[in-house]
Amino acid sequence: MGMPLELNTMIVTKGREQREQSNNSFKLEKEGYRLYPLDIPIEVRKTKEADTSGTAVIKKLEWENQSTVITYELVSLNSTN
């Protein structure tokens, strides 16, 4: 039996990101199993259609209970909105 898997090339937060103790580190839980590139800069957006709000590097990816949790470090910020 196969496992549904989505490949993502940008981080879409929908405002659900949680700031970690480090100032530029965030954690985001997404529904389903998703694969992201690790250790390379990718765009961060609030929605798919929104302008890029910054650039981040994903440091950790976890799959568990039909969800994906990523920990990423924001390396540049384009807007505070």
PDB file of N, CA and C in Angstrom:
ATOM      1  N   MET A   1       0.844  -1.179   0.000  1.00  0.00           N
ATOM      2  CA  MET A   1       0.000   0.000   0.000  1.00  0.00           C
ATOM      3  C   MET A   1       0.887   1.240   0.000  1.00  0.00           C
ATOM      4  N   GLY A   2       0.528   2.214  -0.809  1.00  0.00           N
ATOM      5  CA  GLY A   2       1.320   3.431  -0.940  1.00  0.00           C
ATOM      6  C   GLY A   2       1.023   4.447   0.149  1.00  0.00           C
ATOM      7  N   MET A   3       1.924   5.391   0.265  1.00  0.00           N
ATOM      8  CA  MET A   3       1.770   6.483   1.232  1.00  0.00           C
ATOM      9  C   MET A   3       1.646   7.777   0.446  1.00  0.00           C
ATOM     10  N   PRO A   4       0.553   8.547   0.643  1.00  0.00           N
ATOM     11  CA  PRO A   4       0.438   9.824  -0.067  1.00  0.00           C
ATOM     12  C   PRO A   4       1.529  10.791   0.409  1.00  0.00           C
ATOM     13  N   LEU A   5       2.193  11.430  -0.545  1.00  0.00           N
ATOM     14  CA  LEU A   5       3.299  12.323  -0.227  1.00  0.00           C
ATOM     15  C   LEU A   5       3.237  13.534  -1.139  1.00  0.00           C
ATOM     16  N   GLU A   6       3.371  14.706  -0.554  1.00  0.00           N
ATOM     17  CA  GLU A   6       3.353  15.953  -1.319  1.00  0.00           C
ATOM     18  C   GLU A   6       4.755  16.560  -1.287  1.00  0.00           C
ATOM     19  N   LEU A   7       5.246  16.998  -2.433  1.00  0.00           N
ATOM     20  CA  LEU A   7       6.553  17.655  -2.519  1.00  0.00           C
ATOM     21  C   LEU A   7       6.345  19.167  -2.523  1.00  0.00           C
ATOM     22  N   ASN A   8       6.992  19.877  -1.619  1.00  0.00           N
ATOM     23  CA  ASN A   8       6.840  21.319  -1.502  1.00  0.00           C
ATOM     24  C   ASN A   8       8.161  22.032  -1.736  1.00  0.00           C
ATOM     25  N   THR A   9       8.077  23.181  -2.447  1.00  0.00           N
ATOM     26  CA  THR A   9       9.283  23.969  -2.712  1.00  0.00           C
ATOM     27  C   THR A   9       9.204  25.355  -2.087  1.00  0.00           C
ATOM     28  N   MET A  10       8.170  25.592  -1.285  1.00  0.00           N
ATOM     29  CA  MET A  10       8.074  26.827  -0.503  1.00  0.00           C
ATOM     30  C   MET A  10       7.305  26.516   0.778  1.00  0.00           C
ATOM     31  N   ILE A  11       7.464  27.367   1.763  1.00  0.00           N
ATOM     32  CA  ILE A  11       6.771  27.212   3.035  1.00  0.00           C
ATOM     33  C   ILE A  11       5.562  28.139   3.010  1.00  0.00           C
ATOM     34  N   VAL A  12       4.365  27.573   3.168  1.00  0.00           N
ATOM     35  CA  VAL A  12       3.126  28.351   3.240  1.00  0.00           C
ATOM     36  C   VAL A  12       2.619  28.223   4.673  1.00  0.00           C
ATOM     37  N   THR A  13       2.640  29.327   5.424  1.00  0.00           N
ATOM     38  CA  THR A  13       2.375  29.265   6.863  1.00  0.00           C
ATOM     39  C   THR A  13       0.899  29.396   7.242  1.00  0.00           C
ATOM     40  N   LYS A  14       0.131  30.146   6.476  1.00  0.00           N
ATOM     41  CA  LYS A  14      -1.267  30.451   6.808  1.00  0.00           C
ATOM     42  C   LYS A  14      -1.392  30.993   8.238  1.00  0.00           C
ATOM     43  N   GLY A  15      -0.315  31.602   8.726  1.00  0.00           N
ATOM     44  CA  GLY A  15      -0.316  32.213  10.061  1.00  0.00           C
ATOM     45  C   GLY A  15      -0.239  31.227  11.204  1.00  0.00           C
ATOM     46  N   ARG A  16       0.109  29.974  10.950  1.00  0.00           N
ATOM     47  CA  ARG A  16       0.122  28.939  11.993  1.00  0.00           C
ATOM     48  C   ARG A  16       1.514  28.631  12.532  1.00  0.00           C
ATOM     49  N   GLU A  17       2.516  29.374  12.108  1.00  0.00           N
ATOM     50  CA  GLU A  17       3.873  29.110  12.583  1.00  0.00           C
ATOM     51  C   GLU A  17       4.000  29.494  14.052  1.00  0.00           C
ATOM     52  N   GLN A  18       4.877  28.797  14.766  1.00  0.00           N
ATOM     53  CA  GLN A  18       5.130  29.086  16.177  1.00  0.00           C
ATOM     54  C   GLN A  18       6.604  29.411  16.347  1.00  0.00           C
ATOM     55  N   ARG A  19       6.865  30.535  16.989  1.00  0.00           N
ATOM     56  CA  ARG A  19       8.258  30.944  17.208  1.00  0.00           C
ATOM     57  C   ARG A  19       8.881  30.054  18.276  1.00  0.00           C
ATOM     58  N   GLU A  20      10.079  29.592  18.003  1.00  0.00           N
ATOM     59  CA  GLU A  20      10.845  28.801  18.960  1.00  0.00           C
ATOM     60  C   GLU A  20      11.605  29.751  19.883  1.00  0.00           C
ATOM     61  N   GLN A  21      12.386  29.215  20.798  1.00  0.00           N
ATOM     62  CA  GLN A  21      13.128  30.056  21.740  1.00  0.00           C
ATOM     63  C   GLN A  21      14.154  30.932  21.026  1.00  0.00           C
ATOM     64  N   SER A  22      14.743  30.411  19.965  1.00  0.00           N
ATOM     65  CA  SER A  22      15.665  31.211  19.165  1.00  0.00           C
ATOM     66  C   SER A  22      14.851  32.244  18.383  1.00  0.00           C
ATOM     67  N   ASN A  23      15.343  33.462  18.253  1.00  0.00           N
ATOM     68  CA  ASN A  23      14.590  34.543  17.609  1.00  0.00           C
ATOM     69  C   ASN A  23      14.166  34.249  16.183  1.00  0.00           C
ATOM     70  N   ASN A  24      14.996  33.604  15.406  1.00  0.00           N
ATOM     71  CA  ASN A  24      14.702  33.391  13.997  1.00  0.00           C
ATOM     72  C   ASN A  24      14.260  31.970  13.682  1.00  0.00           C
ATOM     73  N   SER A  25      13.965  31.167  14.682  1.00  0.00           N
ATOM     74  CA  SER A  25      13.581  29.780  14.485  1.00  0.00           C
ATOM     75  C   SER A  25      12.078  29.605  14.700  1.00  0.00           C
ATOM     76  N   PHE A  26      11.438  28.871  13.785  1.00  0.00           N
ATOM     77  CA  PHE A  26       9.992  28.669  13.832  1.00  0.00           C
ATOM     78  C   PHE A  26       9.673  27.205  13.632  1.00  0.00           C
ATOM     79  N   LYS A  27       8.509  26.782  14.133  1.00  0.00           N
ATOM     80  CA  LYS A  27       8.023  25.431  13.942  1.00  0.00           C
ATOM     81  C   LYS A  27       6.650  25.529  13.306  1.00  0.00           C
ATOM     82  N   LEU A  28       6.375  24.651  12.337  1.00  0.00           N
ATOM     83  CA  LEU A  28       5.105  24.663  11.616  1.00  0.00           C
ATOM     84  C   LEU A  28       4.641  23.237  11.405  1.00  0.00           C
ATOM     85  N   GLU A  29       3.391  22.962  11.781  1.00  0.00           N
ATOM     86  CA  GLU A  29       2.806  21.641  11.561  1.00  0.00           C
ATOM     87  C   GLU A  29       1.834  21.727  10.399  1.00  0.00           C
ATOM     88  N   LYS A  30       1.979  20.804   9.444  1.00  0.00           N
ATOM     89  CA  LYS A  30       1.118  20.743   8.262  1.00  0.00           C
ATOM     90  C   LYS A  30       0.439  19.374   8.232  1.00  0.00           C
ATOM     91  N   GLU A  31      -0.784  19.348   7.746  1.00  0.00           N
ATOM     92  CA  GLU A  31      -1.531  18.105   7.628  1.00  0.00           C
ATOM     93  C   GLU A  31      -0.982  17.264   6.478  1.00  0.00           C
ATOM     94  N   GLY A  32      -0.893  15.966   6.668  1.00  0.00           N
ATOM     95  CA  GLY A  32      -0.401  15.064   5.633  1.00  0.00           C
ATOM     96  C   GLY A  32       1.117  14.970   5.639  1.00  0.00           C
ATOM     97  N   TYR A  33       1.620  14.055   4.807  1.00  0.00           N
ATOM     98  CA  TYR A  33       3.063  13.869   4.689  1.00  0.00           C
ATOM     99  C   TYR A  33       3.584  14.750   3.562  1.00  0.00           C
ATOM    100  N   ARG A  34       4.573  15.573   3.890  1.00  0.00           N
ATOM    101  CA  ARG A  34       5.148  16.516   2.927  1.00  0.00           C
ATOM    102  C   ARG A  34       6.661  16.411   2.966  1.00  0.00           C
ATOM    103  N   LEU A  35       7.255  16.609   1.814  1.00  0.00           N
ATOM    104  CA  LEU A  35       8.710  16.585   1.714  1.00  0.00           C
ATOM    105  C   LEU A  35       9.189  17.964   1.281  1.00  0.00           C
ATOM    106  N   TYR A  36      10.143  18.503   2.011  1.00  0.00           N
ATOM    107  CA  TYR A  36      10.715  19.820   1.736  1.00  0.00           C
ATOM    108  C   TYR A  36      12.219  19.675   1.541  1.00  0.00           C
ATOM    109  N   PRO A  37      12.830  20.569   0.775  1.00  0.00           N
ATOM    110  CA  PRO A  37      14.297  20.556   0.684  1.00  0.00           C
ATOM    111  C   PRO A  37      14.906  21.035   1.999  1.00  0.00           C
ATOM    112  N   LEU A  38      15.932  20.362   2.449  1.00  0.00           N
ATOM    113  CA  LEU A  38      16.604  20.731   3.699  1.00  0.00           C
ATOM    114  C   LEU A  38      17.880  21.507   3.409  1.00  0.00           C
ATOM    115  N   ASP A  39      18.182  22.428   4.303  1.00  0.00           N
ATOM    116  CA  ASP A  39      19.447  23.166   4.295  1.00  0.00           C
ATOM    117  C   ASP A  39      19.704  24.006   3.048  1.00  0.00           C
ATOM    118  N   ILE A  40      18.658  24.395   2.328  1.00  0.00           N
ATOM    119  CA  ILE A  40      18.805  25.360   1.232  1.00  0.00           C
ATOM    120  C   ILE A  40      17.720  26.422   1.392  1.00  0.00           C
ATOM    121  N   PRO A  41      17.978  27.668   1.015  1.00  0.00           N
ATOM    122  CA  PRO A  41      16.989  28.735   1.180  1.00  0.00           C
ATOM    123  C   PRO A  41      15.762  28.518   0.282  1.00  0.00           C
ATOM    124  N   ILE A  42      14.567  28.654   0.873  1.00  0.00           N
ATOM    125  CA  ILE A  42      13.313  28.601   0.117  1.00  0.00           C
ATOM    126  C   ILE A  42      12.404  29.731   0.584  1.00  0.00           C
ATOM    127  N   GLU A  43      11.418  30.075  -0.248  1.00  0.00           N
ATOM    128  CA  GLU A  43      10.498  31.173   0.049  1.00  0.00           C
ATOM    129  C   GLU A  43       9.542  30.820   1.183  1.00  0.00           C
ATOM    130  N   VAL A  44       9.167  31.853   1.946  1.00  0.00           N
ATOM    131  CA  VAL A  44       8.140  31.733   2.972  1.00  0.00           C
ATOM    132  C   VAL A  44       7.012  32.670   2.572  1.00  0.00           C
ATOM    133  N   ARG A  45       5.778  32.147   2.563  1.00  0.00           N
ATOM    134  CA  ARG A  45       4.596  32.946   2.226  1.00  0.00           C
ATOM    135  C   ARG A  45       3.481  32.636   3.196  1.00  0.00           C
ATOM    136  N   LYS A  46       2.574  33.600   3.393  1.00  0.00           N
ATOM    137  CA  LYS A  46       1.398  33.355   4.243  1.00  0.00           C
ATOM    138  C   LYS A  46       0.388  32.481   3.524  1.00  0.00           C
ATOM    139  N   THR A  47       0.191  32.708   2.221  1.00  0.00           N
ATOM    140  CA  THR A  47      -0.660  31.870   1.377  1.00  0.00           C
ATOM    141  C   THR A  47       0.091  31.618   0.076  1.00  0.00           C
ATOM    142  N   LYS A  48      -0.386  30.668  -0.724  1.00  0.00           N
ATOM    143  CA  LYS A  48       0.277  30.372  -1.999  1.00  0.00           C
ATOM    144  C   LYS A  48       0.324  31.583  -2.912  1.00  0.00           C
ATOM    145  N   GLU A  49      -0.752  32.383  -2.899  1.00  0.00           N
ATOM    146  CA  GLU A  49      -0.861  33.529  -3.803  1.00  0.00           C
ATOM    147  C   GLU A  49      -0.201  34.795  -3.268  1.00  0.00           C
ATOM    148  N   ALA A  50       0.143  34.832  -1.991  1.00  0.00           N
ATOM    149  CA  ALA A  50       0.711  36.031  -1.367  1.00  0.00           C
ATOM    150  C   ALA A  50       2.139  36.277  -1.857  1.00  0.00           C
ATOM    151  N   ASP A  51       2.580  37.516  -1.688  1.00  0.00           N
ATOM    152  CA  ASP A  51       3.975  37.847  -1.980  1.00  0.00           C
ATOM    153  C   ASP A  51       4.880  37.131  -0.986  1.00  0.00           C
ATOM    154  N   THR A  52       6.104  36.931  -1.373  1.00  0.00           N
ATOM    155  CA  THR A  52       7.086  36.294  -0.495  1.00  0.00           C
ATOM    156  C   THR A  52       7.334  37.183   0.714  1.00  0.00           C
ATOM    157  N   SER A  53       7.206  36.609   1.916  1.00  0.00           N
ATOM    158  CA  SER A  53       7.442  37.404   3.120  1.00  0.00           C
ATOM    159  C   SER A  53       8.864  37.235   3.638  1.00  0.00           C
ATOM    160  N   GLY A  54       9.584  36.263   3.122  1.00  0.00           N
ATOM    161  CA  GLY A  54      10.962  36.065   3.541  1.00  0.00           C
ATOM    162  C   GLY A  54      11.554  34.805   2.934  1.00  0.00           C
ATOM    163  N   THR A  55      12.736  34.485   3.418  1.00  0.00           N
ATOM    164  CA  THR A  55      13.447  33.285   2.981  1.00  0.00           C
ATOM    165  C   THR A  55      13.859  32.514   4.227  1.00  0.00           C
ATOM    166  N   ALA A  56      13.741  31.187   4.155  1.00  0.00           N
ATOM    167  CA  ALA A  56      14.070  30.352   5.311  1.00  0.00           C
ATOM    168  C   ALA A  56      14.852  29.133   4.870  1.00  0.00           C
ATOM    169  N   VAL A  57      15.528  28.527   5.851  1.00  0.00           N
ATOM    170  CA  VAL A  57      16.236  27.274   5.646  1.00  0.00           C
ATOM    171  C   VAL A  57      15.631  26.258   6.616  1.00  0.00           C
ATOM    172  N   ILE A  58      15.118  25.154   6.082  1.00  0.00           N
ATOM    173  CA  ILE A  58      14.524  24.117   6.925  1.00  0.00           C
ATOM    174  C   ILE A  58      15.650  23.294   7.538  1.00  0.00           C
ATOM    175  N   LYS A  59      15.604  23.193   8.867  1.00  0.00           N
ATOM    176  CA  LYS A  59      16.648  22.484   9.605  1.00  0.00           C
ATOM    177  C   LYS A  59      16.206  21.095  10.046  1.00  0.00           C
ATOM    178  N   LYS A  60      14.878  20.881  10.194  1.00  0.00           N
ATOM    179  CA  LYS A  60      14.392  19.599  10.696  1.00  0.00           C
ATOM    180  C   LYS A  60      13.032  19.314  10.093  1.00  0.00           C
ATOM    181  N   LEU A  61      12.786  18.053   9.734  1.00  0.00           N
ATOM    182  CA  LEU A  61      11.520  17.615   9.159  1.00  0.00           C
ATOM    183  C   LEU A  61      11.106  16.332   9.871  1.00  0.00           C
ATOM    184  N   GLU A  62       9.875  16.300  10.384  1.00  0.00           N
ATOM    185  CA  GLU A  62       9.388  15.125  11.103  1.00  0.00           C
ATOM    186  C   GLU A  62       8.035  14.694  10.535  1.00  0.00           C
ATOM    187  N   TRP A  63       7.868  13.392  10.318  1.00  0.00           N
ATOM    188  CA  TRP A  63       6.587  12.825   9.903  1.00  0.00           C
ATOM    189  C   TRP A  63       6.046  11.983  11.041  1.00  0.00           C
ATOM    190  N   GLU A  64       4.782  12.228  11.408  1.00  0.00           N
ATOM    191  CA  GLU A  64       4.175  11.445  12.477  1.00  0.00           C
ATOM    192  C   GLU A  64       2.670  11.655  12.470  1.00  0.00           C
ATOM    193  N   ASN A  65       1.909  10.578  12.614  1.00  0.00           N
ATOM    194  CA  ASN A  65       0.448  10.644  12.747  1.00  0.00           C
ATOM    195  C   ASN A  65      -0.214  11.456  11.639  1.00  0.00           C
ATOM    196  N   GLN A  66       0.123  11.159  10.394  1.00  0.00           N
ATOM    197  CA  GLN A  66      -0.477  11.822   9.236  1.00  0.00           C
ATOM    198  C   GLN A  66      -0.211  13.330   9.197  1.00  0.00           C
ATOM    199  N   SER A  67       0.901  13.769   9.774  1.00  0.00           N
ATOM    200  CA  SER A  67       1.247  15.189   9.723  1.00  0.00           C
ATOM    201  C   SER A  67       2.759  15.357   9.564  1.00  0.00           C
ATOM    202  N   THR A  68       3.134  16.543   9.139  1.00  0.00           N
ATOM    203  CA  THR A  68       4.529  16.905   8.953  1.00  0.00           C
ATOM    204  C   THR A  68       4.835  18.115   9.831  1.00  0.00           C
ATOM    205  N   VAL A  69       5.919  18.052  10.561  1.00  0.00           N
ATOM    206  CA  VAL A  69       6.364  19.184  11.369  1.00  0.00           C
ATOM    207  C   VAL A  69       7.732  19.609  10.858  1.00  0.00           C
ATOM    208  N   ILE A  70       7.841  20.892  10.482  1.00  0.00           N
ATOM    209  CA  ILE A  70       9.137  21.408  10.039  1.00  0.00           C
ATOM    210  C   ILE A  70       9.619  22.465  11.034  1.00  0.00           C
ATOM    211  N   THR A  71      10.907  22.487  11.236  1.00  0.00           N
ATOM    212  CA  THR A  71      11.557  23.531  12.016  1.00  0.00           C
ATOM    213  C   THR A  71      12.453  24.272  11.044  1.00  0.00           C
ATOM    214  N   TYR A  72      12.234  25.577  10.936  1.00  0.00           N
ATOM    215  CA  TYR A  72      13.008  26.353   9.968  1.00  0.00           C
ATOM    216  C   TYR A  72      13.551  27.619  10.600  1.00  0.00           C
ATOM    217  N   GLU A  73      14.628  28.113  10.002  1.00  0.00           N
ATOM    218  CA  GLU A  73      15.276  29.339  10.450  1.00  0.00           C
ATOM    219  C   GLU A  73      15.064  30.410   9.395  1.00  0.00           C
ATOM    220  N   LEU A  74      14.496  31.518   9.792  1.00  0.00           N
ATOM    221  CA  LEU A  74      14.268  32.640   8.878  1.00  0.00           C
ATOM    222  C   LEU A  74      15.600  33.341   8.652  1.00  0.00           C
ATOM    223  N   VAL A  75      16.026  33.407   7.387  1.00  0.00           N
ATOM    224  CA  VAL A  75      17.321  34.024   7.076  1.00  0.00           C
ATOM    225  C   VAL A  75      17.182  35.424   6.506  1.00  0.00           C
ATOM    226  N   SER A  76      15.990  35.746   5.959  1.00  0.00           N
ATOM    227  CA  SER A  76      15.732  37.125   5.527  1.00  0.00           C
ATOM    228  C   SER A  76      14.237  37.384   5.613  1.00  0.00           C
ATOM    229  N   LEU A  77      13.896  38.651   5.861  1.00  0.00           N
ATOM    230  CA  LEU A  77      12.502  39.061   6.008  1.00  0.00           C
ATOM    231  C   LEU A  77      12.231  40.214   5.044  1.00  0.00           C
ATOM    232  N   ASN A  78      11.210  40.043   4.199  1.00  0.00           N
ATOM    233  CA  ASN A  78      10.894  41.089   3.216  1.00  0.00           C
ATOM    234  C   ASN A  78       9.870  42.090   3.751  1.00  0.00           C
ATOM    235  N   SER A  79       9.007  41.649   4.660  1.00  0.00           N
ATOM    236  CA  SER A  79       7.947  42.505   5.177  1.00  0.00           C
ATOM    237  C   SER A  79       7.562  42.053   6.577  1.00  0.00           C
ATOM    238  N   THR A  80       7.131  42.965   7.389  1.00  0.00           N
ATOM    239  CA  THR A  80       6.692  42.598   8.740  1.00  0.00           C
ATOM    240  C   THR A  80       5.209  42.293   8.793  1.00  0.00           C
ATOM    241  N   ASN A  81       4.487  42.458   7.699  1.00  0.00           N
ATOM    242  CA  ASN A  81       3.038  42.204   7.672  1.00  0.00           C
ATOM    243  C   ASN A  81       2.730  40.761   7.380  1.00  0.00           C
TER     244      ASN A  81
END
